[in-house]
Protein backbone atom coordinates (compact mmCIF):
# COMPACT_ATOMS: atom_id res chain seq x y z
CA UNK A 1 -21.86 12.38 -5.93
CA UNK A 2 -24.58 14.29 -5.27
CA UNK A 3 -27.22 16.81 -6.52
CA UNK A 4 -25.47 19.83 -4.22
CA UNK A 5 -23.59 22.93 -5.68
CA UNK A 6 -20.47 21.38 -5.19
CA UNK A 7 -21.17 17.25 -5.16
CA UNK A 8 -19.89 16.83 -8.70
CA UNK A 9 -16.21 17.56 -7.76
CA UNK A 10 -16.13 14.69 -5.56
CA UNK A 11 -15.04 11.50 -7.14
CA UNK A 12 -15.90 8.06 -5.18
CA UNK A 13 -16.63 5.73 -8.07
CA UNK A 14 -14.27 4.44 -10.54
CA UNK A 15 -15.02 5.99 -14.21
CA UNK A 16 -12.74 5.08 -16.93
CA UNK A 17 -12.42 6.92 -20.33
CA UNK A 18 -14.15 5.13 -23.05
CA UNK A 19 -10.66 4.12 -24.64
CA UNK A 20 -10.15 2.12 -21.88
CA UNK A 21 -13.05 0.50 -21.61
CA UNK A 22 -13.60 -0.13 -25.33
CA UNK A 23 -10.53 -2.48 -24.92
CA UNK A 24 -11.81 -5.02 -22.79
CA UNK A 25 -8.78 -7.29 -22.99
CA UNK A 26 -6.39 -5.27 -21.50
CA UNK A 27 -9.27 -4.37 -18.58
CA UNK A 28 -8.37 -8.00 -18.11
CA UNK A 29 -4.67 -8.10 -18.39
CA UNK A 30 -4.76 -5.18 -15.92
CA UNK A 31 -6.80 -7.03 -13.46
CA UNK A 32 -4.40 -9.33 -13.03
CA UNK A 33 -1.74 -7.39 -11.38
CA UNK A 34 -3.56 -4.18 -10.64
CA UNK A 35 -6.85 -2.92 -8.89
CA UNK A 36 -7.43 0.34 -10.49
CA UNK A 37 -9.09 2.58 -7.82
CA UNK A 38 -9.76 6.41 -8.85
CA UNK A 39 -9.59 8.25 -12.35
CA UNK A 40 -10.30 11.62 -12.42
CA UNK A 41 -10.18 13.48 -15.86
CA UNK A 42 -12.25 16.55 -17.40
CA UNK A 43 -14.38 14.21 -18.66
CA UNK A 44 -15.41 12.55 -15.21
CA UNK A 45 -15.00 16.31 -13.62
CA UNK A 46 -15.42 19.44 -16.33
CA UNK A 47 -12.30 21.37 -15.65
CA UNK A 48 -10.19 18.70 -13.87
CA UNK A 49 -6.75 17.37 -14.87
CA UNK A 50 -6.09 13.63 -15.21
CA UNK A 51 -5.11 11.97 -12.23
CA UNK A 52 -5.75 8.21 -11.80
CA UNK A 53 -5.07 5.47 -8.94
CA UNK A 54 -4.34 2.09 -8.33
CA UNK A 55 -2.83 -0.88 -6.05
CA UNK A 56 -0.13 -2.96 -7.65
CA UNK A 57 -0.57 -6.33 -6.39
CA UNK A 58 1.64 -8.47 -8.74
CA UNK A 59 3.75 -8.94 -11.29
CA UNK A 60 2.60 -8.97 -15.07
CA UNK A 61 2.97 -12.26 -16.73
CA UNK A 62 2.54 -10.46 -20.25
CA UNK A 63 3.57 -6.96 -21.79
CA UNK A 64 1.53 -4.13 -20.77
CA UNK A 65 1.14 -0.83 -22.20
CA UNK A 66 3.29 0.62 -19.35
CA UNK A 67 6.01 -1.00 -21.24
CA UNK A 68 5.76 1.29 -24.28
CA UNK A 69 8.37 4.65 -23.89
CA UNK A 70 6.36 7.97 -24.68
CA UNK A 71 6.13 11.44 -23.87
CA UNK A 72 3.28 13.71 -22.94
CA UNK A 73 2.33 17.43 -23.98
CA UNK A 74 2.35 18.42 -20.80
CA UNK A 75 4.01 17.66 -16.96
CA UNK A 76 3.58 14.31 -15.26
CA UNK A 77 4.22 13.14 -11.81
CA UNK A 78 4.12 9.50 -10.75
CA UNK A 79 4.48 7.75 -7.66
CA UNK A 80 5.03 4.51 -5.71
CA UNK A 81 3.97 4.35 -2.23
CA UNK A 82 4.46 1.75 0.06
CA UNK A 83 1.33 -0.48 1.32
CA UNK A 84 2.93 -0.66 5.05
CA UNK A 85 2.01 2.45 7.17
CA UNK A 86 4.74 1.28 9.87
CA UNK A 87 7.44 1.37 7.07
CA UNK A 88 6.52 4.01 4.51
CA UNK A 89 9.64 4.17 2.72
CA UNK A 90 10.04 0.39 2.06
CA UNK A 91 8.20 -0.09 -0.86
CA UNK A 92 7.73 -4.18 -0.62
CA UNK A 93 8.71 -4.24 -4.06
CA UNK A 94 10.58 -3.42 -7.40
CA UNK A 95 9.86 -1.46 -10.14
CA UNK A 96 12.25 -0.78 -13.06
CA UNK A 97 11.57 2.37 -14.45
CA UNK A 98 13.40 4.00 -17.47
CA UNK A 99 13.36 8.05 -17.72
CA UNK A 100 14.89 8.65 -21.34
CA UNK A 101 17.93 5.96 -21.99
CA UNK A 102 18.76 5.86 -17.92
CA UNK A 103 16.69 2.81 -16.09
CA UNK A 104 16.21 3.05 -12.29
CA UNK A 105 14.92 0.38 -9.78
CA UNK A 106 12.76 2.15 -7.26
CA UNK A 107 12.55 0.16 -3.81
CA UNK A 108 11.70 3.27 -1.66
CA UNK A 109 8.71 5.18 -1.96
CA UNK A 110 9.04 7.91 -4.77
CA UNK A 111 7.54 10.52 -6.57
CA UNK A 112 8.53 11.15 -9.97
CA UNK A 113 8.56 14.55 -11.94
CA UNK A 114 8.26 14.31 -15.84
CA UNK A 115 8.57 17.47 -17.68
CA UNK A 116 6.46 17.73 -20.82
CA UNK A 117 8.19 15.91 -23.72
CA UNK A 118 10.61 13.87 -21.69
CA UNK A 119 10.63 10.08 -22.80
CA UNK A 120 9.67 7.92 -20.02
CA UNK A 121 9.03 3.87 -19.71
CA UNK A 122 9.30 0.91 -19.61
CA UNK A 123 7.39 0.83 -16.06
CA UNK A 124 8.10 -2.87 -15.30
CA UNK A 125 6.73 -4.37 -12.14
CA UNK A 126 9.42 -6.85 -11.16
CA UNK A 127 8.41 -7.74 -7.53
CA UNK A 128 5.39 -6.76 -5.37
CA UNK A 129 5.91 -8.46 -1.64
CA UNK A 130 3.13 -6.37 -0.91
CA UNK A 131 0.77 -4.30 -2.57
CA UNK A 132 2.01 -0.85 -3.81
CA UNK A 133 -0.42 2.11 -4.18
CA UNK A 134 0.76 3.57 -7.80
CA UNK A 135 -0.51 7.15 -9.06
CA UNK A 136 0.04 9.51 -12.15
CA UNK A 137 -0.82 12.89 -12.43
CA UNK A 138 -1.07 14.73 -16.05
CA UNK A 139 -1.64 18.25 -15.81
CA UNK A 140 -3.96 17.69 -19.37
CA UNK A 141 -7.96 17.05 -18.81
CA UNK A 142 -6.71 13.97 -20.45
CA UNK A 143 -4.29 11.56 -20.26
CA UNK A 144 -2.86 11.79 -24.03
CA UNK A 145 0.76 10.16 -24.94
CA UNK A 146 2.93 12.43 -27.23
CA UNK A 147 4.44 9.32 -28.50
CA UNK A 148 3.35 5.84 -28.13
CA UNK A 149 -0.58 5.04 -27.48
CA UNK A 150 -2.89 4.48 -24.34
């Protein structure tokens, strides 16, 4: 952010990992249904764990990376938040989210805890009536899949 002693801890611009920017087709596909806001990990801020944020604005028309079941070598929290501050618990859409072999239909603002090693996804955006704020936090310095690929 600036040249101050602690300004390096503040992220205000999107800085994606090289593994994501090296796949322009994926970035173009993602932009059709979501707007990535910020990304933080140990490459952006040394010592940080990984967090990314996006607004879901539509429904993907093709298969996405989120459709691949996977797990992580560390814990993860996944969130979906209503874009309506007057009705903060009505998601304004539907997200199909799989945990192991169980399908869950998310229609309310939600946070999901995924313990290390637990398989999850696909994450299928079924309906978006208004933007849905999405984030994920992985307690490692990078977003790595133990199974599947990112």
